[in-house]
């Protein structure tokens, strides 16, 4: 079977349920097991863990947690609306642990595109602003955005132009740690990174072009009945289209598929079309937007880049959430 035929058959299966009016779904239990053993002599250890909620395409239920924490509560960060579980261990512990589990029912996120002359809502306009030092909208970013959208007039046309430019001018760098840091000024020069890096390029260029956009921080669900998904964090993006609402896009997954399948841009065209306006059912949203955030209770670090991984501090020093073995946490999926 030729490579082109394999690609066509794969996309045919991806589109089958959508075209027939049946959304593809994935359900299962997700369990975080966090064991903050290091350093044992720390006297004050604090943890902030993303707390997923239901939306149009995902239903989160049967949420449970247990552990030997000194205090625990659910907080909402006021500026970005980030929701998270906060736990604290006061005093020395031989072992600090927290188990957090929930049932996730996810659907393929598909949004039919329909543009109108409606104005951008006031609450959405904040997603046109920069979030330094990560999301920048001036300088080189502004120049690129102006050039690639110079003949575009509508938000949909501009968003598509930015999406296509991002797919064509970035690449997946497998040597990048975790999902990347999402620093657009570095990424626009290097061009290589992972999902947070590539999504931040889209968001920055879109905002610079007058298109409201934000990152989506999530977790991939297992494709097997039982699967370790500790390395399953994933970042994609959304832009706001008047008349439609928030539209998902995932240029990073296009580049990942290209690398994995060794595809040219021409061969990857079906995937490029698929991931503009939809994303697959093997993922859930943990948080939306929010860069350089200040959490509650206030962390000791100046800010948190983004809240997707578990974030923790030991005596005021951040632990490396890119290193789950050193941080000591795991995430497991069980299909239902």
C-alpha atoms as a PDB file:
ATOM      1  CA  UNK A   1       0.000   0.000   0.000  1.00  0.00           C
ATOM      2  CA  UNK A   2       1.440   3.404  -0.967  1.00  0.00           C
ATOM      3  CA  UNK A   3       2.110   6.126   1.629  1.00  0.00           C
ATOM      4  CA  UNK A   4      -0.479   8.397   0.001  1.00  0.00           C
ATOM      5  CA  UNK A   5      -3.161   5.714   0.201  1.00  0.00           C
ATOM      6  CA  UNK A   6      -2.338   5.005   3.839  1.00  0.00           C
ATOM      7  CA  UNK A   7      -2.737   8.712   4.642  1.00  0.00           C
ATOM      8  CA  UNK A   8      -6.089   8.890   2.837  1.00  0.00           C
ATOM      9  CA  UNK A   9      -7.427   5.829   4.633  1.00  0.00           C
ATOM     10  CA  UNK A  10      -6.294   7.207   7.986  1.00  0.00           C
ATOM     11  CA  UNK A  11      -8.052  10.513   7.414  1.00  0.00           C
ATOM     12  CA  UNK A  12     -11.151   8.730   6.132  1.00  0.00           C
ATOM     13  CA  UNK A  13     -11.427   6.963   9.473  1.00  0.00           C
ATOM     14  CA  UNK A  14     -10.826  10.231  11.349  1.00  0.00           C
ATOM     15  CA  UNK A  15     -13.692  11.896   9.498  1.00  0.00           C
ATOM     16  CA  UNK A  16     -16.116   8.954   9.371  1.00  0.00           C
ATOM     17  CA  UNK A  17     -18.053   9.591  12.574  1.00  0.00           C
ATOM     18  CA  UNK A  18     -18.140  13.362  12.138  1.00  0.00           C
ATOM     19  CA  UNK A  19     -19.590  13.118   8.631  1.00  0.00           C
ATOM     20  CA  UNK A  20     -22.230  10.675   9.854  1.00  0.00           C
ATOM     21  CA  UNK A  21     -23.198  12.935  12.750  1.00  0.00           C
ATOM     22  CA  UNK A  22     -21.700  10.610  15.373  1.00  0.00           C
ATOM     23  CA  UNK A  23     -18.956  12.121  17.506  1.00  0.00           C
ATOM     24  CA  UNK A  24     -15.994   9.904  18.283  1.00  0.00           C
ATOM     25  CA  UNK A  25     -15.578   9.366  22.025  1.00  0.00           C
ATOM     26  CA  UNK A  26     -13.089   8.124  24.591  1.00  0.00           C
ATOM     27  CA  UNK A  27     -13.859   7.350  28.252  1.00  0.00           C
ATOM     28  CA  UNK A  28     -11.797   6.228  31.180  1.00  0.00           C
ATOM     29  CA  UNK A  29     -10.453   6.850  34.672  1.00  0.00           C
ATOM     30  CA  UNK A  30      -7.441   9.121  35.048  1.00  0.00           C
ATOM     31  CA  UNK A  31      -5.340   8.804  38.190  1.00  0.00           C
ATOM     32  CA  UNK A  32      -2.519  11.078  39.329  1.00  0.00           C
ATOM     33  CA  UNK A  33      -0.176   9.519  41.880  1.00  0.00           C
ATOM     34  CA  UNK A  34       2.100  12.170  43.381  1.00  0.00           C
ATOM     35  CA  UNK A  35       4.857  11.190  45.803  1.00  0.00           C
ATOM     36  CA  UNK A  36       6.950  14.169  46.918  1.00  0.00           C
ATOM     37  CA  UNK A  37       9.750  12.313  48.696  1.00  0.00           C
ATOM     38  CA  UNK A  38      12.529  14.705  47.754  1.00  0.00           C
ATOM     39  CA  UNK A  39      13.870  16.507  49.620  1.00  0.00           C
ATOM     40  CA  UNK A  40      12.932  14.635  52.806  1.00  0.00           C
ATOM     41  CA  UNK A  41      14.194  17.414  55.119  1.00  0.00           C
ATOM     42  CA  UNK A  42      11.966  20.113  53.580  1.00  0.00           C
ATOM     43  CA  UNK A  43       9.742  21.772  56.173  1.00  0.00           C
ATOM     44  CA  UNK A  44       7.128  23.333  53.898  1.00  0.00           C
ATOM     45  CA  UNK A  45       6.050  21.638  50.651  1.00  0.00           C
ATOM     46  CA  UNK A  46       3.183  22.977  48.528  1.00  0.00           C
ATOM     47  CA  UNK A  47       1.511  21.581  45.431  1.00  0.00           C
ATOM     48  CA  UNK A  48      -0.820  23.082  42.813  1.00  0.00           C
ATOM     49  CA  UNK A  49      -2.539  20.531  40.549  1.00  0.00           C
ATOM     50  CA  UNK A  50      -4.788  21.433  37.539  1.00  0.00           C
ATOM     51  CA  UNK A  51      -8.433  20.609  38.260  1.00  0.00           C
ATOM     52  CA  UNK A  52     -10.340  19.696  35.056  1.00  0.00           C
ATOM     53  CA  UNK A  53     -13.985  20.649  34.598  1.00  0.00           C
ATOM     54  CA  UNK A  54     -16.760  19.653  32.201  1.00  0.00           C
ATOM     55  CA  UNK A  55     -17.439  21.569  29.018  1.00  0.00           C
ATOM     56  CA  UNK A  56     -19.246  21.010  25.732  1.00  0.00           C
ATOM     57  CA  UNK A  57     -16.859  18.238  24.659  1.00  0.00           C
ATOM     58  CA  UNK A  58     -15.772  16.649  27.926  1.00  0.00           C
ATOM     59  CA  UNK A  59     -17.521  15.451  31.061  1.00  0.00           C
ATOM     60  CA  UNK A  60     -15.481  15.194  34.242  1.00  0.00           C
ATOM     61  CA  UNK A  61     -17.046  13.237  37.115  1.00  0.00           C
ATOM     62  CA  UNK A  62     -16.340  11.032  40.122  1.00  0.00           C
ATOM     63  CA  UNK A  63     -13.494  13.282  41.314  1.00  0.00           C
ATOM     64  CA  UNK A  64     -11.660  11.894  44.342  1.00  0.00           C
ATOM     65  CA  UNK A  65      -8.460  12.567  46.277  1.00  0.00           C
ATOM     66  CA  UNK A  66      -6.649  11.286  49.320  1.00  0.00           C
ATOM     67  CA  UNK A  67      -3.207  11.693  50.866  1.00  0.00           C
ATOM     68  CA  UNK A  68      -1.303  12.629  54.007  1.00  0.00           C
ATOM     69  CA  UNK A  69      -1.295  16.397  53.383  1.00  0.00           C
ATOM     70  CA  UNK A  70      -1.649  18.935  56.217  1.00  0.00           C
ATOM     71  CA  UNK A  71      -4.213  20.990  54.307  1.00  0.00           C
ATOM     72  CA  UNK A  72      -6.019  20.808  50.977  1.00  0.00           C
ATOM     73  CA  UNK A  73      -8.511  22.984  49.075  1.00  0.00           C
ATOM     74  CA  UNK A  74      -9.712  23.867  45.572  1.00  0.00           C
ATOM     75  CA  UNK A  75      -8.787  27.381  44.404  1.00  0.00           C
ATOM     76  CA  UNK A  76      -9.584  29.536  41.399  1.00  0.00           C
ATOM     77  CA  UNK A  77      -6.947  31.994  40.209  1.00  0.00           C
ATOM     78  CA  UNK A  78      -8.932  35.227  39.668  1.00  0.00           C
ATOM     79  CA  UNK A  79      -7.207  36.778  36.645  1.00  0.00           C
ATOM     80  CA  UNK A  80      -7.315  33.793  34.269  1.00  0.00           C
ATOM     81  CA  UNK A  81      -9.930  31.634  36.009  1.00  0.00           C
ATOM     82  CA  UNK A  82      -7.534  28.710  36.431  1.00  0.00           C
ATOM     83  CA  UNK A  83      -8.958  26.037  38.730  1.00  0.00           C
ATOM     84  CA  UNK A  84      -6.632  23.801  40.728  1.00  0.00           C
ATOM     85  CA  UNK A  85      -6.243  21.594  43.786  1.00  0.00           C
ATOM     86  CA  UNK A  86      -3.844  23.011  46.371  1.00  0.00           C
ATOM     87  CA  UNK A  87      -2.174  20.776  48.956  1.00  0.00           C
ATOM     88  CA  UNK A  88       0.385  21.579  51.623  1.00  0.00           C
ATOM     89  CA  UNK A  89       2.616  19.491  53.854  1.00  0.00           C
ATOM     90  CA  UNK A  90       3.876  21.386  56.919  1.00  0.00           C
ATOM     91  CA  UNK A  91       6.815  19.899  58.790  1.00  0.00           C
ATOM     92  CA  UNK A  92       9.082  16.990  57.912  1.00  0.00           C
ATOM     93  CA  UNK A  93       7.602  13.855  56.331  1.00  0.00           C
ATOM     94  CA  UNK A  94       9.297  10.640  55.283  1.00  0.00           C
ATOM     95  CA  UNK A  95       6.768  10.543  52.478  1.00  0.00           C
ATOM     96  CA  UNK A  96       4.375  13.144  51.064  1.00  0.00           C
ATOM     97  CA  UNK A  97       1.712  11.685  48.798  1.00  0.00           C
ATOM     98  CA  UNK A  98      -1.502  12.679  47.036  1.00  0.00           C
ATOM     99  CA  UNK A  99      -3.745  10.547  44.829  1.00  0.00           C
ATOM    100  CA  UNK A 100      -6.146  12.422  42.543  1.00  0.00           C
ATOM    101  CA  UNK A 101      -8.539  10.630  40.191  1.00  0.00           C
ATOM    102  CA  UNK A 102     -11.534  11.384  37.980  1.00  0.00           C
ATOM    103  CA  UNK A 103     -13.620   9.896  35.208  1.00  0.00           C
ATOM    104  CA  UNK A 104     -13.223  11.573  31.813  1.00  0.00           C
ATOM    105  CA  UNK A 105     -15.691  11.236  28.931  1.00  0.00           C
ATOM    106  CA  UNK A 106     -14.201  13.039  25.928  1.00  0.00           C
ATOM    107  CA  UNK A 107     -15.501  13.712  22.421  1.00  0.00           C
ATOM    108  CA  UNK A 108     -13.772  14.785  19.262  1.00  0.00           C
ATOM    109  CA  UNK A 109     -13.832  18.592  19.371  1.00  0.00           C
ATOM    110  CA  UNK A 110     -15.360  19.703  16.076  1.00  0.00           C
ATOM    111  CA  UNK A 111     -16.599  23.241  15.499  1.00  0.00           C
ATOM    112  CA  UNK A 112     -18.330  24.114  12.182  1.00  0.00           C
ATOM    113  CA  UNK A 113     -16.941  27.481  11.095  1.00  0.00           C
ATOM    114  CA  UNK A 114     -19.484  30.255  10.600  1.00  0.00           C
ATOM    115  CA  UNK A 115     -18.296  33.851  10.640  1.00  0.00           C
ATOM    116  CA  UNK A 116     -20.544  36.834  11.368  1.00  0.00           C
ATOM    117  CA  UNK A 117     -20.202  40.605  11.638  1.00  0.00           C
ATOM    118  CA  UNK A 118     -20.555  40.459  15.418  1.00  0.00           C
ATOM    119  CA  UNK A 119     -17.947  42.368  17.382  1.00  0.00           C
ATOM    120  CA  UNK A 120     -15.447  40.648  19.637  1.00  0.00           C
ATOM    121  CA  UNK A 121     -16.980  40.390  23.145  1.00  0.00           C
ATOM    122  CA  UNK A 122     -15.378  42.491  25.863  1.00  0.00           C
ATOM    123  CA  UNK A 123     -14.378  39.425  27.883  1.00  0.00           C
ATOM    124  CA  UNK A 124     -12.561  37.991  24.852  1.00  0.00           C
ATOM    125  CA  UNK A 125     -10.518  41.098  24.014  1.00  0.00           C
ATOM    126  CA  UNK A 126      -7.971  40.259  26.700  1.00  0.00           C
ATOM    127  CA  UNK A 127      -6.812  37.489  24.364  1.00  0.00           C
ATOM    128  CA  UNK A 128      -5.501  40.133  21.976  1.00  0.00           C
ATOM    129  CA  UNK A 129      -2.981  41.362  24.540  1.00  0.00           C
ATOM    130  CA  UNK A 130       0.629  40.173  25.079  1.00  0.00           C
ATOM    131  CA  UNK A 131       1.618  38.066  28.088  1.00  0.00           C
ATOM    132  CA  UNK A 132       5.339  38.752  28.426  1.00  0.00           C
ATOM    133  CA  UNK A 133       7.843  37.206  28.542  1.00  0.00           C
ATOM    134  CA  UNK A 134       6.078  34.334  26.734  1.00  0.00           C
ATOM    135  CA  UNK A 135       3.410  35.728  24.383  1.00  0.00           C
ATOM    136  CA  UNK A 136       4.689  38.818  22.529  1.00  0.00           C
ATOM    137  CA  UNK A 137       2.807  40.818  19.881  1.00  0.00           C
ATOM    138  CA  UNK A 138       5.273  43.536  18.859  1.00  0.00           C
ATOM    139  CA  UNK A 139       8.663  43.661  17.142  1.00  0.00           C
ATOM    140  CA  UNK A 140       9.456  40.704  14.877  1.00  0.00           C
ATOM    141  CA  UNK A 141       6.148  39.009  15.721  1.00  0.00           C
ATOM    142  CA  UNK A 142       4.181  42.051  14.567  1.00  0.00           C
ATOM    143  CA  UNK A 143       6.197  42.216  11.343  1.00  0.00           C
ATOM    144  CA  UNK A 144       5.561  38.564  10.495  1.00  0.00           C
ATOM    145  CA  UNK A 145       1.860  38.806  11.376  1.00  0.00           C
ATOM    146  CA  UNK A 146       1.447  41.860   9.170  1.00  0.00           C
ATOM    147  CA  UNK A 147       3.177  40.194   6.242  1.00  0.00           C
ATOM    148  CA  UNK A 148       1.268  36.903   6.317  1.00  0.00           C
ATOM    149  CA  UNK A 149      -2.155  38.578   6.746  1.00  0.00           C
ATOM    150  CA  UNK A 150      -1.620  41.634   4.511  1.00  0.00           C
ATOM    151  CA  UNK A 151      -4.231  40.505   1.968  1.00  0.00           C
ATOM    152  CA  UNK A 152      -6.658  39.084   4.541  1.00  0.00           C
ATOM    153  CA  UNK A 153      -9.636  41.037   5.845  1.00  0.00           C
ATOM    154  CA  UNK A 154     -11.699  38.693   8.028  1.00  0.00           C
ATOM    155  CA  UNK A 155     -10.771  37.025  11.316  1.00  0.00           C
ATOM    156  CA  UNK A 156     -11.227  33.585   9.762  1.00  0.00           C
ATOM    157  CA  UNK A 157      -8.912  34.401   6.850  1.00  0.00           C
ATOM    158  CA  UNK A 158      -6.269  35.799   9.201  1.00  0.00           C
ATOM    159  CA  UNK A 159      -6.501  32.832  11.576  1.00  0.00           C
ATOM    160  CA  UNK A 160      -6.083  30.377   8.703  1.00  0.00           C
ATOM    161  CA  UNK A 161      -3.117  32.325   7.328  1.00  0.00           C
ATOM    162  CA  UNK A 162      -1.432  32.299  10.752  1.00  0.00           C
ATOM    163  CA  UNK A 163      -2.167  28.596  11.169  1.00  0.00           C
ATOM    164  CA  UNK A 164      -0.713  27.726   7.770  1.00  0.00           C
ATOM    165  CA  UNK A 165       2.383  29.846   8.388  1.00  0.00           C
ATOM    166  CA  UNK A 166       2.916  28.134  11.755  1.00  0.00           C
ATOM    167  CA  UNK A 167       2.638  24.668  10.213  1.00  0.00           C
ATOM    168  CA  UNK A 168       4.964  25.572   7.355  1.00  0.00           C
ATOM    169  CA  UNK A 169       7.607  27.452   9.361  1.00  0.00           C
ATOM    170  CA  UNK A 170       8.058  25.422  12.552  1.00  0.00           C
ATOM    171  CA  UNK A 171       9.143  21.870  13.226  1.00  0.00           C
ATOM    172  CA  UNK A 172       8.947  19.389  16.089  1.00  0.00           C
ATOM    173  CA  UNK A 173      12.221  19.090  17.956  1.00  0.00           C
ATOM    174  CA  UNK A 174      12.199  15.753  19.856  1.00  0.00           C
ATOM    175  CA  UNK A 175      15.109  16.946  22.021  1.00  0.00           C
ATOM    176  CA  UNK A 176      12.975  19.658  23.659  1.00  0.00           C
ATOM    177  CA  UNK A 177      12.189  18.876  27.309  1.00  0.00           C
ATOM    178  CA  UNK A 178       8.548  18.176  28.126  1.00  0.00           C
ATOM    179  CA  UNK A 179       6.146  20.270  26.082  1.00  0.00           C
ATOM    180  CA  UNK A 180       8.620  23.149  25.854  1.00  0.00           C
ATOM    181  CA  UNK A 181       8.668  26.560  27.530  1.00  0.00           C
ATOM    182  CA  UNK A 182       6.581  28.413  24.951  1.00  0.00           C
ATOM    183  CA  UNK A 183       8.821  31.493  24.685  1.00  0.00           C
ATOM    184  CA  UNK A 184       7.850  32.961  21.332  1.00  0.00           C
ATOM    185  CA  UNK A 185      10.873  35.242  20.881  1.00  0.00           C
ATOM    186  CA  UNK A 186      13.192  32.222  21.129  1.00  0.00           C
ATOM    187  CA  UNK A 187      10.910  30.010  19.088  1.00  0.00           C
ATOM    188  CA  UNK A 188      10.532  32.479  16.226  1.00  0.00           C
ATOM    189  CA  UNK A 189      14.318  32.338  15.781  1.00  0.00           C
ATOM    190  CA  UNK A 190      14.921  28.645  16.406  1.00  0.00           C
ATOM    191  CA  UNK A 191      11.620  27.471  14.815  1.00  0.00           C
ATOM    192  CA  UNK A 192      11.970  24.044  16.480  1.00  0.00           C
ATOM    193  CA  UNK A 193      10.204  22.927  19.647  1.00  0.00           C
ATOM    194  CA  UNK A 194       7.275  20.954  20.975  1.00  0.00           C
ATOM    195  CA  UNK A 195       3.585  21.620  21.460  1.00  0.00           C
ATOM    196  CA  UNK A 196       3.760  24.563  23.904  1.00  0.00           C
ATOM    197  CA  UNK A 197       6.379  26.244  21.710  1.00  0.00           C
ATOM    198  CA  UNK A 198       4.469  25.807  18.453  1.00  0.00           C
ATOM    199  CA  UNK A 199       1.105  26.727  20.001  1.00  0.00           C
ATOM    200  CA  UNK A 200       2.603  29.921  21.443  1.00  0.00           C
ATOM    201  CA  UNK A 201       3.813  30.893  17.965  1.00  0.00           C
ATOM    202  CA  UNK A 202       0.249  30.569  16.670  1.00  0.00           C
ATOM    203  CA  UNK A 203      -1.222  32.484  19.627  1.00  0.00           C
ATOM    204  CA  UNK A 204       1.312  35.328  19.430  1.00  0.00           C
ATOM    205  CA  UNK A 205       0.980  35.806  15.666  1.00  0.00           C
ATOM    206  CA  UNK A 206      -2.811  35.570  15.844  1.00  0.00           C
ATOM    207  CA  UNK A 207      -3.031  38.227  18.559  1.00  0.00           C
ATOM    208  CA  UNK A 208      -0.628  40.465  16.640  1.00  0.00           C
ATOM    209  CA  UNK A 209      -2.918  40.113  13.609  1.00  0.00           C
ATOM    210  CA  UNK A 210      -6.032  41.069  15.607  1.00  0.00           C
ATOM    211  CA  UNK A 211      -7.326  37.523  16.135  1.00  0.00           C
ATOM    212  CA  UNK A 212      -8.134  36.603  19.769  1.00  0.00           C
ATOM    213  CA  UNK A 213      -6.268  33.396  20.627  1.00  0.00           C
ATOM    214  CA  UNK A 214      -5.172  31.379  23.638  1.00  0.00           C
ATOM    215  CA  UNK A 215      -3.290  28.216  24.529  1.00  0.00           C
ATOM    216  CA  UNK A 216      -5.139  25.129  25.730  1.00  0.00           C
ATOM    217  CA  UNK A 217      -3.263  22.968  28.230  1.00  0.00           C
ATOM    218  CA  UNK A 218      -4.402  19.382  28.351  1.00  0.00           C
ATOM    219  CA  UNK A 219      -3.678  15.699  28.738  1.00  0.00           C
ATOM    220  CA  UNK A 220      -3.818  12.923  26.169  1.00  0.00           C
ATOM    221  CA  UNK A 221      -5.972   9.961  27.160  1.00  0.00           C
ATOM    222  CA  UNK A 222      -4.658   6.470  26.615  1.00  0.00           C
ATOM    223  CA  UNK A 223      -5.451   4.579  23.430  1.00  0.00           C
ATOM    224  CA  UNK A 224      -4.875   1.273  25.242  1.00  0.00           C
ATOM    225  CA  UNK A 225      -7.222  -0.118  27.903  1.00  0.00           C
ATOM    226  CA  UNK A 226      -4.518   0.335  30.553  1.00  0.00           C
ATOM    227  CA  UNK A 227      -1.799   2.886  29.896  1.00  0.00           C
ATOM    228  CA  UNK A 228       0.790   5.023  31.649  1.00  0.00           C
ATOM    229  CA  UNK A 229       0.106   8.562  30.383  1.00  0.00           C
ATOM    230  CA  UNK A 230       2.630  10.363  32.587  1.00  0.00           C
ATOM    231  CA  UNK A 231       4.219  11.904  29.477  1.00  0.00           C
ATOM    232  CA  UNK A 232       0.852  12.661  27.893  1.00  0.00           C
ATOM    233  CA  UNK A 233       0.587  16.399  28.570  1.00  0.00           C
ATOM    234  CA  UNK A 234      -0.230  18.324  25.402  1.00  0.00           C
ATOM    235  CA  UNK A 235      -0.802  21.942  24.417  1.00  0.00           C
ATOM    236  CA  UNK A 236      -2.861  23.168  21.471  1.00  0.00           C
ATOM    237  CA  UNK A 237      -4.633  26.474  20.751  1.00  0.00           C
ATOM    238  CA  UNK A 238      -7.980  28.149  20.138  1.00  0.00           C
ATOM    239  CA  UNK A 239      -8.961  31.325  18.306  1.00  0.00           C
ATOM    240  CA  UNK A 240     -12.194  33.251  18.708  1.00  0.00           C
ATOM    241  CA  UNK A 241     -14.424  33.543  15.642  1.00  0.00           C
ATOM    242  CA  UNK A 242     -17.474  35.838  15.956  1.00  0.00           C
ATOM    243  CA  UNK A 243     -20.565  33.825  15.054  1.00  0.00           C
ATOM    244  CA  UNK A 244     -18.914  30.538  16.051  1.00  0.00           C
ATOM    245  CA  UNK A 245     -17.030  31.013  19.320  1.00  0.00           C
ATOM    246  CA  UNK A 246     -13.749  29.370  20.269  1.00  0.00           C
ATOM    247  CA  UNK A 247     -12.240  27.234  17.494  1.00  0.00           C
ATOM    248  CA  UNK A 248      -9.601  24.545  18.218  1.00  0.00           C
ATOM    249  CA  UNK A 249      -6.430  24.313  16.126  1.00  0.00           C
ATOM    250  CA  UNK A 250      -3.385  22.109  16.597  1.00  0.00           C
ATOM    251  CA  UNK A 251      -0.437  22.973  14.344  1.00  0.00           C
ATOM    252  CA  UNK A 252       1.864  21.138  16.768  1.00  0.00           C
ATOM    253  CA  UNK A 253       0.165  17.807  16.128  1.00  0.00           C
ATOM    254  CA  UNK A 254       0.498  18.329  12.379  1.00  0.00           C
ATOM    255  CA  UNK A 255       4.252  18.721  12.830  1.00  0.00           C
ATOM    256  CA  UNK A 256       4.376  15.730  15.200  1.00  0.00           C
ATOM    257  CA  UNK A 257       2.605  13.506  12.662  1.00  0.00           C
ATOM    258  CA  UNK A 258       4.926  14.771   9.929  1.00  0.00           C
ATOM    259  CA  UNK A 259       7.960  13.777  11.992  1.00  0.00           C
ATOM    260  CA  UNK A 260       6.538  10.434  13.084  1.00  0.00           C
ATOM    261  CA  UNK A 261       5.361   9.395   9.610  1.00  0.00           C
ATOM    262  CA  UNK A 262       8.161  11.171   7.709  1.00  0.00           C
ATOM    263  CA  UNK A 263       5.697  13.213   5.644  1.00  0.00           C
ATOM    264  CA  UNK A 264       6.247  16.220   3.420  1.00  0.00           C
ATOM    265  CA  UNK A 265       4.016  19.277   3.750  1.00  0.00           C
ATOM    266  CA  UNK A 266       2.102  18.101   0.667  1.00  0.00           C
ATOM    267  CA  UNK A 267       1.589  14.609   2.114  1.00  0.00           C
ATOM    268  CA  UNK A 268       0.484  16.122   5.436  1.00  0.00           C
ATOM    269  CA  UNK A 269      -2.188  18.336   3.855  1.00  0.00           C
ATOM    270  CA  UNK A 270      -5.124  16.159   5.076  1.00  0.00           C
ATOM    271  CA  UNK A 271      -3.851  16.439   8.649  1.00  0.00           C
ATOM    272  CA  UNK A 272      -3.398  20.186   8.277  1.00  0.00           C
ATOM    273  CA  UNK A 273      -7.035  20.477   7.201  1.00  0.00           C
ATOM    274  CA  UNK A 274      -8.223  18.186   9.995  1.00  0.00           C
ATOM    275  CA  UNK A 275      -6.559  20.115  12.821  1.00  0.00           C
ATOM    276  CA  UNK A 276      -8.004  23.473  11.797  1.00  0.00           C
ATOM    277  CA  UNK A 277     -11.417  23.491  13.486  1.00  0.00           C
ATOM    278  CA  UNK A 278     -11.200  20.143  15.241  1.00  0.00           C
ATOM    279  CA  UNK A 279      -9.013  17.981  17.460  1.00  0.00           C
ATOM    280  CA  UNK A 280      -9.255  14.288  18.288  1.00  0.00           C
ATOM    281  CA  UNK A 281     -11.124  12.646  21.159  1.00  0.00           C
ATOM    282  CA  UNK A 282      -7.991  11.308  22.882  1.00  0.00           C
ATOM    283  CA  UNK A 283      -7.479  14.416  25.014  1.00  0.00           C
ATOM    284  CA  UNK A 284      -9.016  16.484  27.758  1.00  0.00           C
ATOM    285  CA  UNK A 285      -8.589  20.139  28.670  1.00  0.00           C
ATOM    286  CA  UNK A 286      -6.919  20.834  32.016  1.00  0.00           C
ATOM    287  CA  UNK A 287      -6.690  24.630  31.745  1.00  0.00           C
ATOM    288  CA  UNK A 288      -7.165  27.366  29.159  1.00  0.00           C
ATOM    289  CA  UNK A 289      -4.950  30.411  28.719  1.00  0.00           C
ATOM    290  CA  UNK A 290      -2.929  31.971  31.470  1.00  0.00           C
ATOM    291  CA  UNK A 291       0.797  32.649  31.072  1.00  0.00           C
ATOM    292  CA  UNK A 292       3.149  34.054  33.715  1.00  0.00           C
ATOM    293  CA  UNK A 293       0.464  33.375  36.315  1.00  0.00           C
ATOM    294  CA  UNK A 294       0.351  34.048  40.046  1.00  0.00           C
ATOM    295  CA  UNK A 295      -1.416  31.296  41.954  1.00  0.00           C
ATOM    296  CA  UNK A 296      -3.332  31.273  45.225  1.00  0.00           C
ATOM    297  CA  UNK A 297      -1.995  30.803  47.811  1.00  0.00           C
ATOM    298  CA  UNK A 298       0.871  32.799  46.276  1.00  0.00           C
ATOM    299  CA  UNK A 299       3.853  30.755  45.127  1.00  0.00           C
ATOM    300  CA  UNK A 300       7.380  31.869  46.011  1.00  0.00           C
ATOM    301  CA  UNK A 301       8.541  31.925  42.383  1.00  0.00           C
ATOM    302  CA  UNK A 302       7.981  35.196  40.541  1.00  0.00           C
ATOM    303  CA  UNK A 303       5.418  33.503  38.325  1.00  0.00           C
ATOM    304  CA  UNK A 304       4.428  30.122  36.894  1.00  0.00           C
ATOM    305  CA  UNK A 305       4.929  29.856  33.123  1.00  0.00           C
ATOM    306  CA  UNK A 306       1.704  27.880  32.601  1.00  0.00           C
ATOM    307  CA  UNK A 307      -0.352  25.480  34.711  1.00  0.00           C
ATOM    308  CA  UNK A 308      -0.499  22.141  32.926  1.00  0.00           C
ATOM    309  CA  UNK A 309       1.925  19.929  34.811  1.00  0.00           C
ATOM    310  CA  UNK A 310       1.675  19.555  38.589  1.00  0.00           C
ATOM    311  CA  UNK A 311       3.558  22.499  40.109  1.00  0.00           C
ATOM    312  CA  UNK A 312       5.253  22.234  43.513  1.00  0.00           C
ATOM    313  CA  UNK A 313       7.663  24.126  45.733  1.00  0.00           C
ATOM    314  CA  UNK A 314       9.785  22.775  48.595  1.00  0.00           C
ATOM    315  CA  UNK A 315      10.755  25.491  51.091  1.00  0.00           C
ATOM    316  CA  UNK A 316      10.074  28.038  48.376  1.00  0.00           C
ATOM    317  CA  UNK A 317      12.163  26.333  45.674  1.00  0.00           C
ATOM    318  CA  UNK A 318      10.256  25.119  42.564  1.00  0.00           C
ATOM    319  CA  UNK A 319      10.533  21.433  41.702  1.00  0.00           C
ATOM    320  CA  UNK A 320      11.152  20.496  38.070  1.00  0.00           C
ATOM    321  CA  UNK A 321       7.768  19.461  36.654  1.00  0.00           C
ATOM    322  CA  UNK A 322       9.481  18.333  33.427  1.00  0.00           C
ATOM    323  CA  UNK A 323      11.115  15.558  35.471  1.00  0.00           C
ATOM    324  CA  UNK A 324       8.389  13.255  36.843  1.00  0.00           C
ATOM    325  CA  UNK A 325      11.001  10.832  38.191  1.00  0.00           C
ATOM    326  CA  UNK A 326      12.730  13.519  40.229  1.00  0.00           C
ATOM    327  CA  UNK A 327       9.428  15.224  41.048  1.00  0.00           C
ATOM    328  CA  UNK A 328       7.971  11.722  41.543  1.00  0.00           C
ATOM    329  CA  UNK A 329       4.529  11.619  40.011  1.00  0.00           C
ATOM    330  CA  UNK A 330       2.784   9.320  37.537  1.00  0.00           C
ATOM    331  CA  UNK A 331      -0.508   9.423  35.640  1.00  0.00           C
ATOM    332  CA  UNK A 332      -2.459   6.325  34.633  1.00  0.00           C
ATOM    333  CA  UNK A 333      -5.428   5.713  32.346  1.00  0.00           C
ATOM    334  CA  UNK A 334      -7.970   2.882  32.546  1.00  0.00           C
ATOM    335  CA  UNK A 335     -10.542   2.620  29.771  1.00  0.00           C
ATOM    336  CA  UNK A 336     -14.230   2.274  30.687  1.00  0.00           C
END
